[in-house]
Amino acid sequence: MGLVRALFIVFACLAAGEAVVRLTGVPFPASIIGMGVLFVLLQLKWVKVEWLQQMTDVLMQNLSLFLVPPCVAVMDYLDVMRGDWQAILTATVVSTLMVMWVSGKSHEWIRRRL
């Protein structure tokens, strides 16, 4: 029963994200808005973490299955990537460094505030 409830909560949040995108026309992925809705529900304690625990455990145990489709897509576009490998490599390195820097600065800022 717990898994059904967890799936219902997640899909309800996704549906809420879809509704927001369709009603407002905001050019943002509905899944991200749905994740934001779920985050707010968790912060307000309207949804308990324990309700989602069983589903998250199953998803984490099978996480490698979610990597297969992107890997196949990359293999389909190897010819495109060969022509733009420098731009792809540069974007990957720069964005990784930026994420590391922003994460570190955010951590420092939060630690100082606490």
PDB file of N, CA and C in Angstrom:
ATOM      1  N   MET A   1       0.820  -1.197   0.000  1.00  0.00           N
ATOM      2  CA  MET A   1       0.000   0.000   0.000  1.00  0.00           C
ATOM      3  C   MET A   1       0.859   1.253   0.000  1.00  0.00           C
ATOM      4  N   GLY A   2       2.010   1.181   0.679  1.00  0.00           N
ATOM      5  CA  GLY A   2       2.884   2.346   0.767  1.00  0.00           C
ATOM      6  C   GLY A   2       3.443   2.760  -0.577  1.00  0.00           C
ATOM      7  N   LEU A   3       3.746   1.776  -1.423  1.00  0.00           N
ATOM      8  CA  LEU A   3       4.291   2.076  -2.744  1.00  0.00           C
ATOM      9  C   LEU A   3       3.242   2.756  -3.629  1.00  0.00           C
ATOM     10  N   VAL A   4       2.001   2.319  -3.507  1.00  0.00           N
ATOM     11  CA  VAL A   4       0.916   2.925  -4.287  1.00  0.00           C
ATOM     12  C   VAL A   4       0.724   4.384  -3.868  1.00  0.00           C
ATOM     13  N   ARG A   5       0.735   4.630  -2.558  1.00  0.00           N
ATOM     14  CA  ARG A   5       0.589   6.001  -2.077  1.00  0.00           C
ATOM     15  C   ARG A   5       1.731   6.882  -2.561  1.00  0.00           C
ATOM     16  N   ALA A   6       2.960   6.357  -2.507  1.00  0.00           N
ATOM     17  CA  ALA A   6       4.123   7.125  -2.952  1.00  0.00           C
ATOM     18  C   ALA A   6       4.021   7.454  -4.437  1.00  0.00           C
ATOM     19  N   LEU A   7       3.639   6.474  -5.239  1.00  0.00           N
ATOM     20  CA  LEU A   7       3.484   6.723  -6.669  1.00  0.00           C
ATOM     21  C   LEU A   7       2.384   7.745  -6.935  1.00  0.00           C
ATOM     22  N   PHE A   8       1.291   7.653  -6.185  1.00  0.00           N
ATOM     23  CA  PHE A   8       0.208   8.623  -6.350  1.00  0.00           C
ATOM     24  C   PHE A   8       0.700  10.037  -6.039  1.00  0.00           C
ATOM     25  N   ILE A   9       1.456  10.189  -4.967  1.00  0.00           N
ATOM     26  CA  ILE A   9       1.966  11.517  -4.582  1.00  0.00           C
ATOM     27  C   ILE A   9       2.880  12.070  -5.663  1.00  0.00           C
ATOM     28  N   VAL A  10       3.800  11.246  -6.150  1.00  0.00           N
ATOM     29  CA  VAL A  10       4.753  11.705  -7.165  1.00  0.00           C
ATOM     30  C   VAL A  10       4.030  12.071  -8.460  1.00  0.00           C
ATOM     31  N   PHE A  11       3.105  11.212  -8.888  1.00  0.00           N
ATOM     32  CA  PHE A  11       2.389  11.513 -10.131  1.00  0.00           C
ATOM     33  C   PHE A  11       1.429  12.686  -9.968  1.00  0.00           C
ATOM     34  N   ALA A  12       0.888  12.878  -8.768  1.00  0.00           N
ATOM     35  CA  ALA A  12       0.040  14.053  -8.526  1.00  0.00           C
ATOM     36  C   ALA A  12       0.867  15.333  -8.615  1.00  0.00           C
ATOM     37  N   CYS A  13       2.077  15.295  -8.100  1.00  0.00           N
ATOM     38  CA  CYS A  13       2.965  16.470  -8.212  1.00  0.00           C
ATOM     39  C   CYS A  13       3.343  16.721  -9.657  1.00  0.00           C
ATOM     40  N   LEU A  14       3.600  15.658 -10.407  1.00  0.00           N
ATOM     41  CA  LEU A  14       3.897  15.806 -11.828  1.00  0.00           C
ATOM     42  C   LEU A  14       2.692  16.389 -12.566  1.00  0.00           C
ATOM     43  N   ALA A  15       1.485  15.919 -12.226  1.00  0.00           N
ATOM     44  CA  ALA A  15       0.271  16.453 -12.850  1.00  0.00           C
ATOM     45  C   ALA A  15       0.093  17.932 -12.511  1.00  0.00           C
ATOM     46  N   ALA A  16       0.418  18.294 -11.283  1.00  0.00           N
ATOM     47  CA  ALA A  16       0.331  19.704 -10.895  1.00  0.00           C
ATOM     48  C   ALA A  16       1.315  20.537 -11.719  1.00  0.00           C
ATOM     49  N   GLY A  17       2.520  20.015 -11.943  1.00  0.00           N
ATOM     50  CA  GLY A  17       3.492  20.701 -12.776  1.00  0.00           C
ATOM     51  C   GLY A  17       3.006  20.845 -14.209  1.00  0.00           C
ATOM     52  N   GLU A  18       2.395  19.784 -14.742  1.00  0.00           N
ATOM     53  CA  GLU A  18       1.824  19.837 -16.100  1.00  0.00           C
ATOM     54  C   GLU A  18       0.725  20.888 -16.173  1.00  0.00           C
ATOM     55  N   ALA A  19      -0.112  20.944 -15.144  1.00  0.00           N
ATOM     56  CA  ALA A  19      -1.212  21.916 -15.130  1.00  0.00           C
ATOM     57  C   ALA A  19      -0.672  23.342 -15.109  1.00  0.00           C
ATOM     58  N   VAL A  20       0.357  23.574 -14.309  1.00  0.00           N
ATOM     59  CA  VAL A  20       0.946  24.913 -14.237  1.00  0.00           C
ATOM     60  C   VAL A  20       1.499  25.321 -15.600  1.00  0.00           C
ATOM     61  N   VAL A  21       2.198  24.414 -16.260  1.00  0.00           N
ATOM     62  CA  VAL A  21       2.788  24.726 -17.564  1.00  0.00           C
ATOM     63  C   VAL A  21       1.698  25.007 -18.597  1.00  0.00           C
ATOM     64  N   ARG A  22       0.655  24.189 -18.608  1.00  0.00           N
ATOM     65  CA  ARG A  22      -0.401  24.369 -19.612  1.00  0.00           C
ATOM     66  C   ARG A  22      -1.241  25.608 -19.345  1.00  0.00           C
ATOM     67  N   LEU A  23      -1.499  25.904 -18.076  1.00  0.00           N
ATOM     68  CA  LEU A  23      -2.346  27.053 -17.751  1.00  0.00           C
ATOM     69  C   LEU A  23      -1.617  28.384 -17.884  1.00  0.00           C
ATOM     70  N   THR A  24      -0.338  28.382 -17.546  1.00  0.00           N
ATOM     71  CA  THR A  24       0.408  29.642 -17.578  1.00  0.00           C
ATOM     72  C   THR A  24       1.239  29.804 -18.844  1.00  0.00           C
ATOM     73  N   GLY A  25       1.537  28.703 -19.509  1.00  0.00           N
ATOM     74  CA  GLY A  25       2.371  28.771 -20.703  1.00  0.00           C
ATOM     75  C   GLY A  25       3.829  29.052 -20.395  1.00  0.00           C
ATOM     76  N   VAL A  26       4.227  28.891 -19.139  1.00  0.00           N
ATOM     77  CA  VAL A  26       5.606  29.143 -18.746  1.00  0.00           C
ATOM     78  C   VAL A  26       6.514  28.132 -19.462  1.00  0.00           C
ATOM     79  N   PRO A  27       7.598  28.598 -20.081  1.00  0.00           N
ATOM     80  CA  PRO A  27       8.487  27.686 -20.812  1.00  0.00           C
ATOM     81  C   PRO A  27       9.473  26.994 -19.874  1.00  0.00           C
ATOM     82  N   PHE A  28       8.962  26.095 -19.070  1.00  0.00           N
ATOM     83  CA  PHE A  28       9.772  25.406 -18.068  1.00  0.00           C
ATOM     84  C   PHE A  28       9.308  23.963 -18.021  1.00  0.00           C
ATOM     85  N   PRO A  29      10.190  22.994 -17.811  1.00  0.00           N
ATOM     86  CA  PRO A  29       9.755  21.592 -17.776  1.00  0.00           C
ATOM     87  C   PRO A  29       8.771  21.332 -16.635  1.00  0.00           C
ATOM     88  N   ALA A  30       7.687  20.667 -16.959  1.00  0.00           N
ATOM     89  CA  ALA A  30       6.661  20.367 -15.964  1.00  0.00           C
ATOM     90  C   ALA A  30       7.207  19.472 -14.852  1.00  0.00           C
ATOM     91  N   SER A  31       8.148  18.611 -15.189  1.00  0.00           N
ATOM     92  CA  SER A  31       8.697  17.713 -14.169  1.00  0.00           C
ATOM     93  C   SER A  31       9.469  18.501 -13.106  1.00  0.00           C
ATOM     94  N   ILE A  32      10.132  19.573 -13.513  1.00  0.00           N
ATOM     95  CA  ILE A  32      10.866  20.400 -12.549  1.00  0.00           C
ATOM     96  C   ILE A  32       9.890  21.149 -11.655  1.00  0.00           C
ATOM     97  N   ILE A  33       8.827  21.664 -12.235  1.00  0.00           N
ATOM     98  CA  ILE A  33       7.807  22.339 -11.427  1.00  0.00           C
ATOM     99  C   ILE A  33       7.166  21.342 -10.475  1.00  0.00           C
ATOM    100  N   GLY A  34       6.902  20.132 -10.956  1.00  0.00           N
ATOM    101  CA  GLY A  34       6.351  19.086 -10.091  1.00  0.00           C
ATOM    102  C   GLY A  34       7.279  18.738  -8.942  1.00  0.00           C
ATOM    103  N   MET A  35       8.591  18.723  -9.219  1.00  0.00           N
ATOM    104  CA  MET A  35       9.553  18.482  -8.143  1.00  0.00           C
ATOM    105  C   MET A  35       9.516  19.599  -7.120  1.00  0.00           C
ATOM    106  N   GLY A  36       9.346  20.824  -7.612  1.00  0.00           N
ATOM    107  CA  GLY A  36       9.216  21.959  -6.702  1.00  0.00           C
ATOM    108  C   GLY A  36       7.970  21.844  -5.847  1.00  0.00           C
ATOM    109  N   VAL A  37       6.880  21.392  -6.443  1.00  0.00           N
ATOM    110  CA  VAL A  37       5.637  21.177  -5.686  1.00  0.00           C
ATOM    111  C   VAL A  37       5.865  20.126  -4.609  1.00  0.00           C
ATOM    112  N   LEU A  38       6.522  19.028  -4.968  1.00  0.00           N
ATOM    113  CA  LEU A  38       6.812  17.975  -3.986  1.00  0.00           C
ATOM    114  C   LEU A  38       7.709  18.508  -2.874  1.00  0.00           C
ATOM    115  N   PHE A  39       8.704  19.313  -3.228  1.00  0.00           N
ATOM    116  CA  PHE A  39       9.589  19.902  -2.225  1.00  0.00           C
ATOM    117  C   PHE A  39       8.798  20.763  -1.242  1.00  0.00           C
ATOM    118  N   VAL A  40       7.910  21.595  -1.766  1.00  0.00           N
ATOM    119  CA  VAL A  40       7.091  22.455  -0.901  1.00  0.00           C
ATOM    120  C   VAL A  40       6.205  21.609   0.003  1.00  0.00           C
ATOM    121  N   LEU A  41       5.594  20.564  -0.550  1.00  0.00           N
ATOM    122  CA  LEU A  41       4.739  19.690   0.265  1.00  0.00           C
ATOM    123  C   LEU A  41       5.533  19.005   1.374  1.00  0.00           C
ATOM    124  N   LEU A  42       6.768  18.620   1.064  1.00  0.00           N
ATOM    125  CA  LEU A  42       7.615  18.001   2.090  1.00  0.00           C
ATOM    126  C   LEU A  42       8.017  19.020   3.152  1.00  0.00           C
ATOM    127  N   GLN A  43       8.333  20.248   2.736  1.00  0.00           N
ATOM    128  CA  GLN A  43       8.733  21.282   3.693  1.00  0.00           C
ATOM    129  C   GLN A  43       7.577  21.688   4.602  1.00  0.00           C
ATOM    130  N   LEU A  44       6.381  21.719   4.047  1.00  0.00           N
ATOM    131  CA  LEU A  44       5.204  22.066   4.844  1.00  0.00           C
ATOM    132  C   LEU A  44       4.722  20.902   5.708  1.00  0.00           C
ATOM    133  N   LYS A  45       5.362  19.739   5.547  1.00  0.00           N
ATOM    134  CA  LYS A  45       5.023  18.512   6.275  1.00  0.00           C
ATOM    135  C   LYS A  45       3.629  18.000   5.919  1.00  0.00           C
ATOM    136  N   TRP A  46       3.118  18.383   4.730  1.00  0.00           N
ATOM    137  CA  TRP A  46       1.852  17.838   4.253  1.00  0.00           C
ATOM    138  C   TRP A  46       2.056  16.440   3.696  1.00  0.00           C
ATOM    139  N   VAL A  47       3.287  16.170   3.259  1.00  0.00           N
ATOM    140  CA  VAL A  47       3.697  14.843   2.815  1.00  0.00           C
ATOM    141  C   VAL A  47       4.854  14.430   3.709  1.00  0.00           C
ATOM    142  N   LYS A  48       4.760  13.242   4.249  1.00  0.00           N
ATOM    143  CA  LYS A  48       5.820  12.750   5.138  1.00  0.00           C
ATOM    144  C   LYS A  48       6.862  11.985   4.320  1.00  0.00           C
ATOM    145  N   VAL A  49       8.110  12.143   4.707  1.00  0.00           N
ATOM    146  CA  VAL A  49       9.214  11.471   4.015  1.00  0.00           C
ATOM    147  C   VAL A  49       9.016   9.961   4.052  1.00  0.00           C
ATOM    148  N   GLU A  50       8.497   9.461   5.151  1.00  0.00           N
ATOM    149  CA  GLU A  50       8.295   8.017   5.297  1.00  0.00           C
ATOM    150  C   GLU A  50       7.351   7.469   4.229  1.00  0.00           C
ATOM    151  N   TRP A  51       6.426   8.283   3.766  1.00  0.00           N
ATOM    152  CA  TRP A  51       5.487   7.842   2.739  1.00  0.00           C
ATOM    153  C   TRP A  51       6.189   7.550   1.422  1.00  0.00           C
ATOM    154  N   LEU A  52       7.303   8.231   1.174  1.00  0.00           N
ATOM    155  CA  LEU A  52       8.020   8.081  -0.088  1.00  0.00           C
ATOM    156  C   LEU A  52       9.229   7.158   0.009  1.00  0.00           C
ATOM    157  N   GLN A  53       9.580   6.749   1.223  1.00  0.00           N
ATOM    158  CA  GLN A  53      10.823   6.009   1.454  1.00  0.00           C
ATOM    159  C   GLN A  53      10.903   4.719   0.661  1.00  0.00           C
ATOM    160  N   GLN A  54       9.845   3.924   0.639  1.00  0.00           N
ATOM    161  CA  GLN A  54       9.886   2.635  -0.053  1.00  0.00           C
ATOM    162  C   GLN A  54      10.134   2.822  -1.546  1.00  0.00           C
ATOM    163  N   MET A  55       9.468   3.804  -2.137  1.00  0.00           N
ATOM    164  CA  MET A  55       9.649   4.044  -3.563  1.00  0.00           C
ATOM    165  C   MET A  55      11.059   4.557  -3.861  1.00  0.00           C
ATOM    166  N   THR A  56      11.563   5.456  -3.031  1.00  0.00           N
ATOM    167  CA  THR A  56      12.907   5.981  -3.278  1.00  0.00           C
ATOM    168  C   THR A  56      13.957   4.884  -3.126  1.00  0.00           C
ATOM    169  N   ASP A  57      13.738   3.970  -2.204  1.00  0.00           N
ATOM    170  CA  ASP A  57      14.678   2.852  -2.059  1.00  0.00           C
ATOM    171  C   ASP A  57      14.707   1.995  -3.318  1.00  0.00           C
ATOM    172  N   VAL A  58      13.535   1.692  -3.876  1.00  0.00           N
ATOM    173  CA  VAL A  58      13.459   0.890  -5.099  1.00  0.00           C
ATOM    174  C   VAL A  58      14.132   1.618  -6.257  1.00  0.00           C
ATOM    175  N   LEU A  59      13.860   2.914  -6.383  1.00  0.00           N
ATOM    176  CA  LEU A  59      14.466   3.687  -7.474  1.00  0.00           C
ATOM    177  C   LEU A  59      15.982   3.753  -7.339  1.00  0.00           C
ATOM    178  N   MET A  60      16.485   3.934  -6.139  1.00  0.00           N
ATOM    179  CA  MET A  60      17.933   4.016  -5.945  1.00  0.00           C
ATOM    180  C   MET A  60      18.610   2.674  -6.215  1.00  0.00           C
ATOM    181  N   GLN A  61      17.938   1.575  -5.880  1.00  0.00           N
ATOM    182  CA  GLN A  61      18.515   0.254  -6.135  1.00  0.00           C
ATOM    183  C   GLN A  61      18.598  -0.045  -7.635  1.00  0.00           C
ATOM    184  N   ASN A  62      17.753   0.599  -8.437  1.00  0.00           N
ATOM    185  CA  ASN A  62      17.717   0.355  -9.878  1.00  0.00           C
ATOM    186  C   ASN A  62      18.153   1.576 -10.676  1.00  0.00           C
ATOM    187  N   LEU A  63      18.948   2.423 -10.075  1.00  0.00           N
ATOM    188  CA  LEU A  63      19.356   3.668 -10.714  1.00  0.00           C
ATOM    189  C   LEU A  63      20.111   3.445 -12.020  1.00  0.00           C
ATOM    190  N   SER A  64      20.874   2.378 -12.093  1.00  0.00           N
ATOM    191  CA  SER A  64      21.656   2.128 -13.309  1.00  0.00           C
ATOM    192  C   SER A  64      20.765   1.930 -14.524  1.00  0.00           C
ATOM    193  N   LEU A  65      19.537   1.462 -14.339  1.00  0.00           N
ATOM    194  CA  LEU A  65      18.626   1.286 -15.474  1.00  0.00           C
ATOM    195  C   LEU A  65      18.267   2.615 -16.119  1.00  0.00           C
ATOM    196  N   PHE A  66      18.299   3.698 -15.350  1.00  0.00           N
ATOM    197  CA  PHE A  66      17.968   5.010 -15.891  1.00  0.00           C
ATOM    198  C   PHE A  66      19.101   5.585 -16.747  1.00  0.00           C
ATOM    199  N   LEU A  67      20.285   4.979 -16.680  1.00  0.00           N
ATOM    200  CA  LEU A  67      21.417   5.462 -17.463  1.00  0.00           C
ATOM    201  C   LEU A  67      21.484   4.834 -18.846  1.00  0.00           C
ATOM    202  N   VAL A  68      20.750   3.755 -19.068  1.00  0.00           N
ATOM    203  CA  VAL A  68      20.823   3.069 -20.360  1.00  0.00           C
ATOM    204  C   VAL A  68      20.298   3.941 -21.501  1.00  0.00           C
ATOM    205  N   PRO A  69      19.114   4.549 -21.410  1.00  0.00           N
ATOM    206  CA  PRO A  69      18.631   5.361 -22.546  1.00  0.00           C
ATOM    207  C   PRO A  69      19.553   6.521 -22.923  1.00  0.00           C
ATOM    208  N   PRO A  70      20.087   7.289 -21.955  1.00  0.00           N
ATOM    209  CA  PRO A  70      21.010   8.349 -22.390  1.00  0.00           C
ATOM    210  C   PRO A  70      22.277   7.809 -23.046  1.00  0.00           C
ATOM    211  N   CYS A  71      22.772   6.683 -22.577  1.00  0.00           N
ATOM    212  CA  CYS A  71      23.982   6.109 -23.184  1.00  0.00           C
ATOM    213  C   CYS A  71      23.713   5.652 -24.611  1.00  0.00           C
ATOM    214  N   VAL A  72      22.553   5.076 -24.853  1.00  0.00           N
ATOM    215  CA  VAL A  72      22.186   4.666 -26.207  1.00  0.00           C
ATOM    216  C   VAL A  72      22.045   5.894 -27.099  1.00  0.00           C
ATOM    217  N   ALA A  73      21.445   6.962 -26.573  1.00  0.00           N
ATOM    218  CA  ALA A  73      21.290   8.199 -27.349  1.00  0.00           C
ATOM    219  C   ALA A  73      22.648   8.782 -27.715  1.00  0.00           C
ATOM    220  N   VAL A  74      23.585   8.748 -26.791  1.00  0.00           N
ATOM    221  CA  VAL A  74      24.935   9.252 -27.080  1.00  0.00           C
ATOM    222  C   VAL A  74      25.567   8.425 -28.197  1.00  0.00           C
ATOM    223  N   MET A  75      25.370   7.121 -28.154  1.00  0.00           N
ATOM    224  CA  MET A  75      25.941   6.267 -29.194  1.00  0.00           C
ATOM    225  C   MET A  75      25.302   6.541 -30.551  1.00  0.00           C
ATOM    226  N   ASP A  76      24.022   6.914 -30.572  1.00  0.00           N
ATOM    227  CA  ASP A  76      23.349   7.242 -31.831  1.00  0.00           C
ATOM    228  C   ASP A  76      23.900   8.513 -32.460  1.00  0.00           C
ATOM    229  N   TYR A  77      24.416   9.410 -31.645  1.00  0.00           N
ATOM    230  CA  TYR A  77      24.871  10.708 -32.134  1.00  0.00           C
ATOM    231  C   TYR A  77      26.388  10.873 -32.073  1.00  0.00           C
ATOM    232  N   LEU A  78      27.121   9.788 -32.142  1.00  0.00           N
ATOM    233  CA  LEU A  78      28.578   9.873 -32.100  1.00  0.00           C
ATOM    234  C   LEU A  78      29.134  10.686 -33.262  1.00  0.00           C
ATOM    235  N   ASP A  79      28.521  10.592 -34.433  1.00  0.00           N
ATOM    236  CA  ASP A  79      29.024  11.351 -35.580  1.00  0.00           C
ATOM    237  C   ASP A  79      28.869  12.853 -35.356  1.00  0.00           C
ATOM    238  N   VAL A  80      27.782  13.267 -34.728  1.00  0.00           N
ATOM    239  CA  VAL A  80      27.585  14.684 -34.402  1.00  0.00           C
ATOM    240  C   VAL A  80      28.595  15.126 -33.352  1.00  0.00           C
ATOM    241  N   MET A  81      28.800  14.263 -32.378  1.00  0.00           N
ATOM    242  CA  MET A  81      29.729  14.599 -31.295  1.00  0.00           C
ATOM    243  C   MET A  81      31.168  14.681 -31.794  1.00  0.00           C
ATOM    244  N   ARG A  82      31.511  13.874 -32.784  1.00  0.00           N
ATOM    245  CA  ARG A  82      32.873  13.923 -33.329  1.00  0.00           C
ATOM    246  C   ARG A  82      33.192  15.299 -33.888  1.00  0.00           C
ATOM    247  N   GLY A  83      32.224  15.917 -34.528  1.00  0.00           N
ATOM    248  CA  GLY A  83      32.449  17.225 -35.120  1.00  0.00           C
ATOM    249  C   GLY A  83      32.506  18.352 -34.103  1.00  0.00           C
ATOM    250  N   ASP A  84      31.854  18.169 -32.963  1.00  0.00           N
ATOM    251  CA  ASP A  84      31.775  19.231 -31.949  1.00  0.00           C
ATOM    252  C   ASP A  84      32.399  18.831 -30.620  1.00  0.00           C
ATOM    253  N   TRP A  85      33.344  17.929 -30.637  1.00  0.00           N
ATOM    254  CA  TRP A  85      33.867  17.413 -29.373  1.00  0.00           C
ATOM    255  C   TRP A  85      34.544  18.489 -28.538  1.00  0.00           C
ATOM    256  N   GLN A  86      35.170  19.460 -29.178  1.00  0.00           N
ATOM    257  CA  GLN A  86      35.845  20.514 -28.415  1.00  0.00           C
ATOM    258  C   GLN A  86      34.837  21.382 -27.660  1.00  0.00           C
ATOM    259  N   ALA A  87      33.758  21.740 -28.335  1.00  0.00           N
ATOM    260  CA  ALA A  87      32.727  22.548 -27.676  1.00  0.00           C
ATOM    261  C   ALA A  87      32.057  21.766 -26.550  1.00  0.00           C
ATOM    262  N   ILE A  88      31.807  20.494 -26.798  1.00  0.00           N
ATOM    263  CA  ILE A  88      31.177  19.660 -25.768  1.00  0.00           C
ATOM    264  C   ILE A  88      32.094  19.518 -24.565  1.00  0.00           C
ATOM    265  N   LEU A  89      33.371  19.249 -24.812  1.00  0.00           N
ATOM    266  CA  LEU A  89      34.332  19.101 -23.720  1.00  0.00           C
ATOM    267  C   LEU A  89      34.481  20.404 -22.938  1.00  0.00           C
ATOM    268  N   THR A  90      34.572  21.526 -23.651  1.00  0.00           N
ATOM    269  CA  THR A  90      34.702  22.827 -22.982  1.00  0.00           C
ATOM    270  C   THR A  90      33.480  23.122 -22.125  1.00  0.00           C
ATOM    271  N   ALA A  91      32.282  22.908 -22.679  1.00  0.00           N
ATOM    272  CA  ALA A  91      31.055  23.161 -21.928  1.00  0.00           C
ATOM    273  C   ALA A  91      30.964  22.260 -20.695  1.00  0.00           C
ATOM    274  N   THR A  92      31.379  21.014 -20.851  1.00  0.00           N
ATOM    275  CA  THR A  92      31.333  20.078 -19.727  1.00  0.00           C
ATOM    276  C   THR A  92      32.285  20.504 -18.610  1.00  0.00           C
ATOM    277  N   VAL A  93      33.507  20.829 -18.974  1.00  0.00           N
ATOM    278  CA  VAL A  93      34.504  21.229 -17.969  1.00  0.00           C
ATOM    279  C   VAL A  93      34.095  22.533 -17.287  1.00  0.00           C
ATOM    280  N   VAL A  94      33.707  23.529 -18.075  1.00  0.00           N
ATOM    281  CA  VAL A  94      33.347  24.832 -17.503  1.00  0.00           C
ATOM    282  C   VAL A  94      32.118  24.709 -16.605  1.00  0.00           C
ATOM    283  N   SER A  95      31.094  23.996 -17.063  1.00  0.00           N
ATOM    284  CA  SER A  95      29.888  23.871 -16.237  1.00  0.00           C
ATOM    285  C   SER A  95      30.160  23.073 -14.967  1.00  0.00           C
ATOM    286  N   THR A  96      31.012  22.054 -15.051  1.00  0.00           N
ATOM    287  CA  THR A  96      31.363  21.290 -13.852  1.00  0.00           C
ATOM    288  C   THR A  96      32.084  22.175 -12.846  1.00  0.00           C
ATOM    289  N   LEU A  97      33.042  22.959 -13.320  1.00  0.00           N
ATOM    290  CA  LEU A  97      33.764  23.854 -12.416  1.00  0.00           C
ATOM    291  C   LEU A  97      32.833  24.905 -11.809  1.00  0.00           C
ATOM    292  N   MET A  98      31.906  25.423 -12.612  1.00  0.00           N
ATOM    293  CA  MET A  98      30.956  26.413 -12.092  1.00  0.00           C
ATOM    294  C   MET A  98      30.057  25.813 -11.020  1.00  0.00           C
ATOM    295  N   VAL A  99      29.580  24.593 -11.255  1.00  0.00           N
ATOM    296  CA  VAL A  99      28.734  23.928 -10.261  1.00  0.00           C
ATOM    297  C   VAL A  99      29.502  23.699  -8.978  1.00  0.00           C
ATOM    298  N   MET A 100      30.770  23.274  -9.091  1.00  0.00           N
ATOM    299  CA  MET A 100      31.577  23.059  -7.895  1.00  0.00           C
ATOM    300  C   MET A 100      31.792  24.367  -7.141  1.00  0.00           C
ATOM    301  N   TRP A 101      32.065  25.450  -7.861  1.00  0.00           N
ATOM    302  CA  TRP A 101      32.310  26.745  -7.224  1.00  0.00           C
ATOM    303  C   TRP A 101      31.040  27.262  -6.547  1.00  0.00           C
ATOM    304  N   VAL A 102      29.910  27.222  -7.248  1.00  0.00           N
ATOM    305  CA  VAL A 102      28.645  27.709  -6.675  1.00  0.00           C
ATOM    306  C   VAL A 102      28.243  26.848  -5.476  1.00  0.00           C
ATOM    307  N   SER A 103      28.432  25.546  -5.570  1.00  0.00           N
ATOM    308  CA  SER A 103      28.093  24.667  -4.440  1.00  0.00           C
ATOM    309  C   SER A 103      28.953  25.000  -3.227  1.00  0.00           C
ATOM    310  N   GLY A 104      30.243  25.193  -3.453  1.00  0.00           N
ATOM    311  CA  GLY A 104      31.143  25.537  -2.347  1.00  0.00           C
ATOM    312  C   GLY A 104      30.793  26.867  -1.713  1.00  0.00           C
ATOM    313  N   LYS A 105      30.539  27.874  -2.545  1.00  0.00           N
ATOM    314  CA  LYS A 105      30.169  29.201  -2.013  1.00  0.00           C
ATOM    315  C   LYS A 105      28.826  29.148  -1.291  1.00  0.00           C
ATOM    316  N   SER A 106      27.879  28.377  -1.822  1.00  0.00           N
ATOM    317  CA  SER A 106      26.584  28.237  -1.151  1.00  0.00           C
ATOM    318  C   SER A 106      26.756  27.568   0.209  1.00  0.00           C
ATOM    319  N   HIS A 107      27.596  26.548   0.251  1.00  0.00           N
ATOM    320  CA  HIS A 107      27.855  25.854   1.513  1.00  0.00           C
ATOM    321  C   HIS A 107      28.497  26.809   2.522  1.00  0.00           C
ATOM    322  N   GLU A 108      29.486  27.571   2.070  1.00  0.00           N
ATOM    323  CA  GLU A 108      30.118  28.551   2.965  1.00  0.00           C
ATOM    324  C   GLU A 108      29.102  29.560   3.484  1.00  0.00           C
ATOM    325  N   TRP A 109      28.253  30.069   2.613  1.00  0.00           N
ATOM    326  CA  TRP A 109      27.255  31.065   2.988  1.00  0.00           C
ATOM    327  C   TRP A 109      26.270  30.493   4.013  1.00  0.00           C
ATOM    328  N   ILE A 110      25.824  29.269   3.774  1.00  0.00           N
ATOM    329  CA  ILE A 110      24.869  28.639   4.711  1.00  0.00           C
ATOM    330  C   ILE A 110      25.536  28.387   6.053  1.00  0.00           C
ATOM    331  N   ARG A 111      26.785  27.900   6.031  1.00  0.00           N
ATOM    332  CA  ARG A 111      27.500  27.642   7.295  1.00  0.00           C
ATOM    333  C   ARG A 111      27.683  28.919   8.111  1.00  0.00           C
ATOM    334  N   ARG A 112      27.981  30.039   7.437  1.00  0.00           N
ATOM    335  CA  ARG A 112      28.136  31.316   8.154  1.00  0.00           C
ATOM    336  C   ARG A 112      26.806  31.772   8.757  1.00  0.00           C
ATOM    337  N   ARG A 113      25.720  31.550   8.029  1.00  0.00           N
ATOM    338  CA  ARG A 113      24.404  32.010   8.513  1.00  0.00           C
ATOM    339  C   ARG A 113      23.917  31.170   9.688  1.00  0.00           C
ATOM    340  N   LEU A 114      24.336  29.916   9.735  1.00  0.00           N
ATOM    341  CA  LEU A 114      23.913  29.058  10.851  1.00  0.00           C
ATOM    342  C   LEU A 114      24.866  29.235  12.012  1.00  0.00           C
TER     343      LEU A 114
END
